Amino acid sequence: MFSIKEIFKDSIGVLLFASALSLIAGLFLRNVENDLIIVLPLIIVLPALNDMIGDFGIIVTSRFTTALYEKKVNNIHSHIVKHLFGEVMPVAIFCAAYISVVAILIAHFRGFSFDSSILIKIILITLITTISLVLFVFLVSIVGGLYVYKKKMDPDDVLIPITTSIADLLSIGVFSLLVSILF
């Protein structure tokens, strides 16, 4: 059984790092504050997008660390990694398109008027953010998982908070960058 002291010792560094990354994400939003206020669907899509990317981080990390624990994977080119990527990426793309459309519909029913160029920009922002971050989450999960596992640490304790925090930070960062470029 784990003691409180042991859990605290194993977790505090990772949790402080994760919290610091989450705070930095607010700086990215500040840079595109005016664009977010003007384009209602962007405000609607951001929390869903941020949550979705974090969820994919948890899914990829937990499935990969389970495969590590079961000794089904030993390097980045493993069949399990390719299979997991083939399962996750299409679902991520579908979810990104879905939340874009739902955000646009909600904004429309709230009286927001937009033309086709805004619709395309919102879908592009969501898709590009999702695809780039799912790729990055895979990289962090796989490389980090192999590293942590070889160091005889529990990858779940380290990788899930780090992966989700990096995903949160970068999803807001990439989203903000794309908003500033396209709007």
C-alpha atoms as a PDB file:
ATOM      1  CA  MET A   1       0.000   0.000   0.000  1.00  0.00           C
ATOM      2  CA  PHE A   2       1.196   3.531  -0.759  1.00  0.00           C
ATOM      3  CA  SER A   3       1.754   6.047   2.005  1.00  0.00           C
ATOM      4  CA  ILE A   4       0.743   9.690   1.717  1.00  0.00           C
ATOM      5  CA  LYS A   5       4.406  10.678   1.942  1.00  0.00           C
ATOM      6  CA  GLU A   6       5.323   8.345  -0.938  1.00  0.00           C
ATOM      7  CA  ILE A   7       2.466   9.556  -3.134  1.00  0.00           C
ATOM      8  CA  PHE A   8       3.355  13.176  -2.381  1.00  0.00           C
ATOM      9  CA  LYS A   9       7.052  12.583  -3.111  1.00  0.00           C
ATOM     10  CA  ASP A  10       6.323  10.838  -6.413  1.00  0.00           C
ATOM     11  CA  SER A  11       3.702  13.331  -7.577  1.00  0.00           C
ATOM     12  CA  ILE A  12       4.539  16.828  -6.364  1.00  0.00           C
ATOM     13  CA  GLY A  13       7.157  17.668  -8.989  1.00  0.00           C
ATOM     14  CA  VAL A  14       5.021  16.499 -11.877  1.00  0.00           C
ATOM     15  CA  LEU A  15       1.920  18.254 -10.542  1.00  0.00           C
ATOM     16  CA  LEU A  16       3.744  21.566  -9.989  1.00  0.00           C
ATOM     17  CA  PHE A  17       5.156  21.365 -13.515  1.00  0.00           C
ATOM     18  CA  ALA A  18       1.706  20.573 -14.914  1.00  0.00           C
ATOM     19  CA  SER A  19       0.136  23.483 -13.028  1.00  0.00           C
ATOM     20  CA  ALA A  20       2.775  25.903 -14.300  1.00  0.00           C
ATOM     21  CA  LEU A  21       2.105  24.830 -17.881  1.00  0.00           C
ATOM     22  CA  SER A  22      -1.619  25.365 -17.422  1.00  0.00           C
ATOM     23  CA  LEU A  23      -1.051  28.897 -16.148  1.00  0.00           C
ATOM     24  CA  ILE A  24       1.063  29.752 -19.185  1.00  0.00           C
ATOM     25  CA  ALA A  25      -1.864  28.820 -21.440  1.00  0.00           C
ATOM     26  CA  GLY A  26      -3.719  31.928 -20.267  1.00  0.00           C
ATOM     27  CA  LEU A  27      -1.025  34.111 -21.804  1.00  0.00           C
ATOM     28  CA  PHE A  28      -1.759  32.651 -25.225  1.00  0.00           C
ATOM     29  CA  LEU A  29      -5.448  33.475 -24.865  1.00  0.00           C
ATOM     30  CA  ARG A  30      -4.712  37.050 -23.892  1.00  0.00           C
ATOM     31  CA  ASN A  31      -3.051  37.593 -27.273  1.00  0.00           C
ATOM     32  CA  VAL A  32      -6.222  36.664 -29.199  1.00  0.00           C
ATOM     33  CA  GLU A  33      -8.805  37.997 -26.759  1.00  0.00           C
ATOM     34  CA  ASN A  34     -10.373  40.440 -29.239  1.00  0.00           C
ATOM     35  CA  ASP A  35     -10.708  37.819 -31.979  1.00  0.00           C
ATOM     36  CA  LEU A  36     -12.330  35.371 -29.564  1.00  0.00           C
ATOM     37  CA  ILE A  37     -14.898  37.937 -28.476  1.00  0.00           C
ATOM     38  CA  ILE A  38     -15.792  38.857 -32.057  1.00  0.00           C
ATOM     39  CA  VAL A  39     -16.179  35.272 -33.306  1.00  0.00           C
ATOM     40  CA  LEU A  40     -18.596  33.487 -30.934  1.00  0.00           C
ATOM     41  CA  PRO A  41     -17.990  29.946 -32.294  1.00  0.00           C
ATOM     42  CA  LEU A  42     -14.331  30.258 -31.260  1.00  0.00           C
ATOM     43  CA  ILE A  43     -15.351  30.851 -27.640  1.00  0.00           C
ATOM     44  CA  ILE A  44     -17.696  27.873 -27.835  1.00  0.00           C
ATOM     45  CA  VAL A  45     -15.207  25.494 -29.468  1.00  0.00           C
ATOM     46  CA  LEU A  46     -12.171  26.256 -27.275  1.00  0.00           C
ATOM     47  CA  PRO A  47     -13.203  24.457 -24.041  1.00  0.00           C
ATOM     48  CA  ALA A  48     -14.408  21.411 -25.984  1.00  0.00           C
ATOM     49  CA  LEU A  49     -11.228  21.336 -28.067  1.00  0.00           C
ATOM     50  CA  ASN A  50      -8.993  21.740 -25.034  1.00  0.00           C
ATOM     51  CA  ASP A  51     -10.810  18.969 -23.168  1.00  0.00           C
ATOM     52  CA  MET A  52     -10.791  16.677 -26.196  1.00  0.00           C
ATOM     53  CA  ILE A  53      -7.029  17.007 -26.723  1.00  0.00           C
ATOM     54  CA  GLY A  54      -6.418  16.268 -23.040  1.00  0.00           C
ATOM     55  CA  ASP A  55      -8.702  13.242 -23.259  1.00  0.00           C
ATOM     56  CA  PHE A  56      -6.774  11.903 -26.234  1.00  0.00           C
ATOM     57  CA  GLY A  57      -3.584  12.426 -24.232  1.00  0.00           C
ATOM     58  CA  ILE A  58      -5.001  10.269 -21.449  1.00  0.00           C
ATOM     59  CA  ILE A  59      -6.224   7.602 -23.886  1.00  0.00           C
ATOM     60  CA  VAL A  60      -2.925   7.342 -25.752  1.00  0.00           C
ATOM     61  CA  THR A  61      -0.835   7.405 -22.594  1.00  0.00           C
ATOM     62  CA  SER A  62      -2.904   4.854 -20.704  1.00  0.00           C
ATOM     63  CA  ARG A  63      -3.126   2.442 -23.633  1.00  0.00           C
ATOM     64  CA  PHE A  64       0.581   2.731 -24.344  1.00  0.00           C
ATOM     65  CA  THR A  65       1.612   2.320 -20.708  1.00  0.00           C
ATOM     66  CA  THR A  66      -0.651  -0.723 -20.447  1.00  0.00           C
ATOM     67  CA  ALA A  67       1.097  -2.208 -23.493  1.00  0.00           C
ATOM     68  CA  LEU A  68       4.452  -1.452 -21.840  1.00  0.00           C
ATOM     69  CA  TYR A  69       3.355  -3.137 -18.631  1.00  0.00           C
ATOM     70  CA  GLU A  70       2.181  -6.196 -20.586  1.00  0.00           C
ATOM     71  CA  LYS A  71       5.533  -6.245 -22.445  1.00  0.00           C
ATOM     72  CA  LYS A  72       3.785  -5.885 -25.814  1.00  0.00           C
ATOM     73  CA  VAL A  73       5.974  -2.982 -26.916  1.00  0.00           C
ATOM     74  CA  ASN A  74       9.673  -2.244 -26.671  1.00  0.00           C
ATOM     75  CA  ASN A  75      10.290   0.572 -29.153  1.00  0.00           C
ATOM     76  CA  ILE A  76       8.595   3.401 -31.002  1.00  0.00           C
ATOM     77  CA  HIS A  77       8.133   1.316 -34.167  1.00  0.00           C
ATOM     78  CA  SER A  78       6.060  -1.351 -32.460  1.00  0.00           C
ATOM     79  CA  HIS A  79       2.924  -2.703 -34.111  1.00  0.00           C
ATOM     80  CA  ILE A  80       0.917  -1.574 -31.058  1.00  0.00           C
ATOM     81  CA  VAL A  81       1.989   2.050 -31.594  1.00  0.00           C
ATOM     82  CA  LYS A  82       0.971   1.988 -35.255  1.00  0.00           C
ATOM     83  CA  HIS A  83      -2.318   0.291 -34.430  1.00  0.00           C
ATOM     84  CA  LEU A  84      -3.086   2.797 -31.665  1.00  0.00           C
ATOM     85  CA  PHE A  85      -2.306   5.702 -33.988  1.00  0.00           C
ATOM     86  CA  GLY A  86      -4.549   4.196 -36.668  1.00  0.00           C
ATOM     87  CA  GLU A  87      -7.394   3.989 -34.167  1.00  0.00           C
ATOM     88  CA  VAL A  88      -6.995   7.367 -32.487  1.00  0.00           C
ATOM     89  CA  MET A  89      -6.306   9.745 -35.396  1.00  0.00           C
ATOM     90  CA  PRO A  90      -9.536   9.114 -37.375  1.00  0.00           C
ATOM     91  CA  VAL A  91     -11.585   9.455 -34.192  1.00  0.00           C
ATOM     92  CA  ALA A  92      -9.766  12.691 -33.336  1.00  0.00           C
ATOM     93  CA  ILE A  93     -10.438  14.133 -36.800  1.00  0.00           C
ATOM     94  CA  PHE A  94     -14.108  13.185 -36.604  1.00  0.00           C
ATOM     95  CA  CYS A  95     -14.422  14.707 -33.118  1.00  0.00           C
ATOM     96  CA  ALA A  96     -12.736  17.924 -34.260  1.00  0.00           C
ATOM     97  CA  ALA A  97     -15.131  18.275 -37.185  1.00  0.00           C
ATOM     98  CA  TYR A  98     -18.054  17.449 -34.917  1.00  0.00           C
ATOM     99  CA  ILE A  99     -17.239  20.044 -32.253  1.00  0.00           C
ATOM    100  CA  SER A 100     -16.668  22.651 -34.971  1.00  0.00           C
ATOM    101  CA  VAL A 101     -20.085  22.042 -36.476  1.00  0.00           C
ATOM    102  CA  VAL A 102     -21.806  21.963 -33.078  1.00  0.00           C
ATOM    103  CA  ALA A 103     -20.103  25.226 -32.058  1.00  0.00           C
ATOM    104  CA  ILE A 104     -21.200  26.854 -35.307  1.00  0.00           C
ATOM    105  CA  LEU A 105     -24.778  25.624 -34.852  1.00  0.00           C
ATOM    106  CA  ILE A 106     -24.918  26.855 -31.252  1.00  0.00           C
ATOM    107  CA  ALA A 107     -23.554  30.241 -32.318  1.00  0.00           C
ATOM    108  CA  HIS A 108     -26.072  30.397 -35.164  1.00  0.00           C
ATOM    109  CA  PHE A 109     -28.988  29.685 -32.818  1.00  0.00           C
ATOM    110  CA  ARG A 110     -27.636  32.377 -30.478  1.00  0.00           C
ATOM    111  CA  GLY A 111     -27.910  34.888 -33.330  1.00  0.00           C
ATOM    112  CA  PHE A 112     -24.324  34.907 -34.574  1.00  0.00           C
ATOM    113  CA  SER A 113     -24.187  35.565 -38.306  1.00  0.00           C
ATOM    114  CA  PHE A 114     -21.263  34.355 -40.344  1.00  0.00           C
ATOM    115  CA  ASP A 115     -20.274  33.613 -43.897  1.00  0.00           C
ATOM    116  CA  SER A 116     -18.684  30.518 -45.391  1.00  0.00           C
ATOM    117  CA  SER A 117     -15.147  31.858 -44.900  1.00  0.00           C
ATOM    118  CA  ILE A 118     -15.651  32.028 -41.117  1.00  0.00           C
ATOM    119  CA  LEU A 119     -17.106  28.515 -41.167  1.00  0.00           C
ATOM    120  CA  ILE A 120     -14.070  27.202 -43.055  1.00  0.00           C
ATOM    121  CA  LYS A 121     -11.643  29.047 -40.756  1.00  0.00           C
ATOM    122  CA  ILE A 122     -13.253  27.622 -37.618  1.00  0.00           C
ATOM    123  CA  ILE A 123     -13.169  24.083 -38.998  1.00  0.00           C
ATOM    124  CA  LEU A 124      -9.554  24.549 -40.156  1.00  0.00           C
ATOM    125  CA  ILE A 125      -8.455  25.897 -36.768  1.00  0.00           C
ATOM    126  CA  THR A 126     -10.071  22.973 -34.984  1.00  0.00           C
ATOM    127  CA  LEU A 127      -8.755  20.313 -37.385  1.00  0.00           C
ATOM    128  CA  ILE A 128      -5.185  21.651 -37.544  1.00  0.00           C
ATOM    129  CA  THR A 129      -5.026  22.053 -33.772  1.00  0.00           C
ATOM    130  CA  THR A 130      -6.361  18.532 -33.242  1.00  0.00           C
ATOM    131  CA  ILE A 131      -4.142  16.781 -35.787  1.00  0.00           C
ATOM    132  CA  SER A 132      -0.952  18.549 -34.718  1.00  0.00           C
ATOM    133  CA  LEU A 133      -1.574  17.944 -31.032  1.00  0.00           C
ATOM    134  CA  VAL A 134      -2.604  14.320 -31.348  1.00  0.00           C
ATOM    135  CA  LEU A 135       0.687  13.797 -33.200  1.00  0.00           C
ATOM    136  CA  PHE A 136       2.556  15.612 -30.438  1.00  0.00           C
ATOM    137  CA  VAL A 137       0.724  13.695 -27.710  1.00  0.00           C
ATOM    138  CA  PHE A 138       1.755  10.462 -29.420  1.00  0.00           C
ATOM    139  CA  LEU A 139       5.372  11.570 -29.487  1.00  0.00           C
ATOM    140  CA  VAL A 140       5.389  12.605 -25.815  1.00  0.00           C
ATOM    141  CA  SER A 141       3.514   9.478 -24.711  1.00  0.00           C
ATOM    142  CA  ILE A 142       5.655   7.013 -26.635  1.00  0.00           C
ATOM    143  CA  VAL A 143       9.086   8.564 -26.116  1.00  0.00           C
ATOM    144  CA  GLY A 144       8.286   9.588 -22.547  1.00  0.00           C
ATOM    145  CA  GLY A 145       6.721   6.219 -21.797  1.00  0.00           C
ATOM    146  CA  LEU A 146       9.752   4.306 -23.009  1.00  0.00           C
ATOM    147  CA  TYR A 147      12.098   6.604 -21.084  1.00  0.00           C
ATOM    148  CA  VAL A 148      10.156   6.481 -17.815  1.00  0.00           C
ATOM    149  CA  TYR A 149       9.631   2.720 -18.102  1.00  0.00           C
ATOM    150  CA  LYS A 150      13.360   2.123 -18.619  1.00  0.00           C
ATOM    151  CA  LYS A 151      14.028   4.236 -15.510  1.00  0.00           C
ATOM    152  CA  LYS A 152      11.821   1.752 -13.589  1.00  0.00           C
ATOM    153  CA  MET A 153       9.224   4.402 -12.759  1.00  0.00           C
ATOM    154  CA  ASP A 154       5.463   4.003 -13.143  1.00  0.00           C
ATOM    155  CA  PRO A 155       4.676   5.700 -16.476  1.00  0.00           C
ATOM    156  CA  ASP A 156       1.046   6.322 -15.491  1.00  0.00           C
ATOM    157  CA  ASP A 157       2.058   8.451 -12.503  1.00  0.00           C
ATOM    158  CA  VAL A 158       4.356  10.638 -14.577  1.00  0.00           C
ATOM    159  CA  LEU A 159       3.016  10.674 -18.112  1.00  0.00           C
ATOM    160  CA  ILE A 160      -0.700  11.291 -17.687  1.00  0.00           C
ATOM    161  CA  PRO A 161      -0.309  14.615 -15.833  1.00  0.00           C
ATOM    162  CA  ILE A 162       2.539  15.736 -18.082  1.00  0.00           C
ATOM    163  CA  THR A 163       0.820  14.705 -21.312  1.00  0.00           C
ATOM    164  CA  THR A 164      -2.486  16.328 -20.408  1.00  0.00           C
ATOM    165  CA  SER A 165      -0.810  19.535 -19.225  1.00  0.00           C
ATOM    166  CA  ILE A 166       1.309  19.798 -22.349  1.00  0.00           C
ATOM    167  CA  ALA A 167      -1.786  19.058 -24.435  1.00  0.00           C
ATOM    168  CA  ASP A 168      -3.733  21.787 -22.603  1.00  0.00           C
ATOM    169  CA  LEU A 169      -0.954  24.331 -23.028  1.00  0.00           C
ATOM    170  CA  LEU A 170      -0.247  23.541 -26.651  1.00  0.00           C
ATOM    171  CA  SER A 171      -3.900  23.245 -27.664  1.00  0.00           C
ATOM    172  CA  ILE A 172      -4.475  26.789 -26.452  1.00  0.00           C
ATOM    173  CA  GLY A 173      -1.159  27.892 -27.979  1.00  0.00           C
ATOM    174  CA  VAL A 174      -1.771  26.358 -31.407  1.00  0.00           C
ATOM    175  CA  PHE A 175      -5.408  27.491 -31.334  1.00  0.00           C
ATOM    176  CA  SER A 176      -4.334  31.058 -30.473  1.00  0.00           C
ATOM    177  CA  LEU A 177      -1.662  31.075 -33.164  1.00  0.00           C
ATOM    178  CA  LEU A 178      -4.114  29.881 -35.811  1.00  0.00           C
ATOM    179  CA  VAL A 179      -6.749  32.408 -34.693  1.00  0.00           C
ATOM    180  CA  SER A 180      -4.204  35.226 -34.964  1.00  0.00           C
ATOM    181  CA  ILE A 181      -3.152  34.050 -38.432  1.00  0.00           C
ATOM    182  CA  LEU A 182      -6.637  33.431 -39.854  1.00  0.00           C
ATOM    183  CA  PHE A 183      -8.550  36.275 -38.215  1.00  0.00           C
END
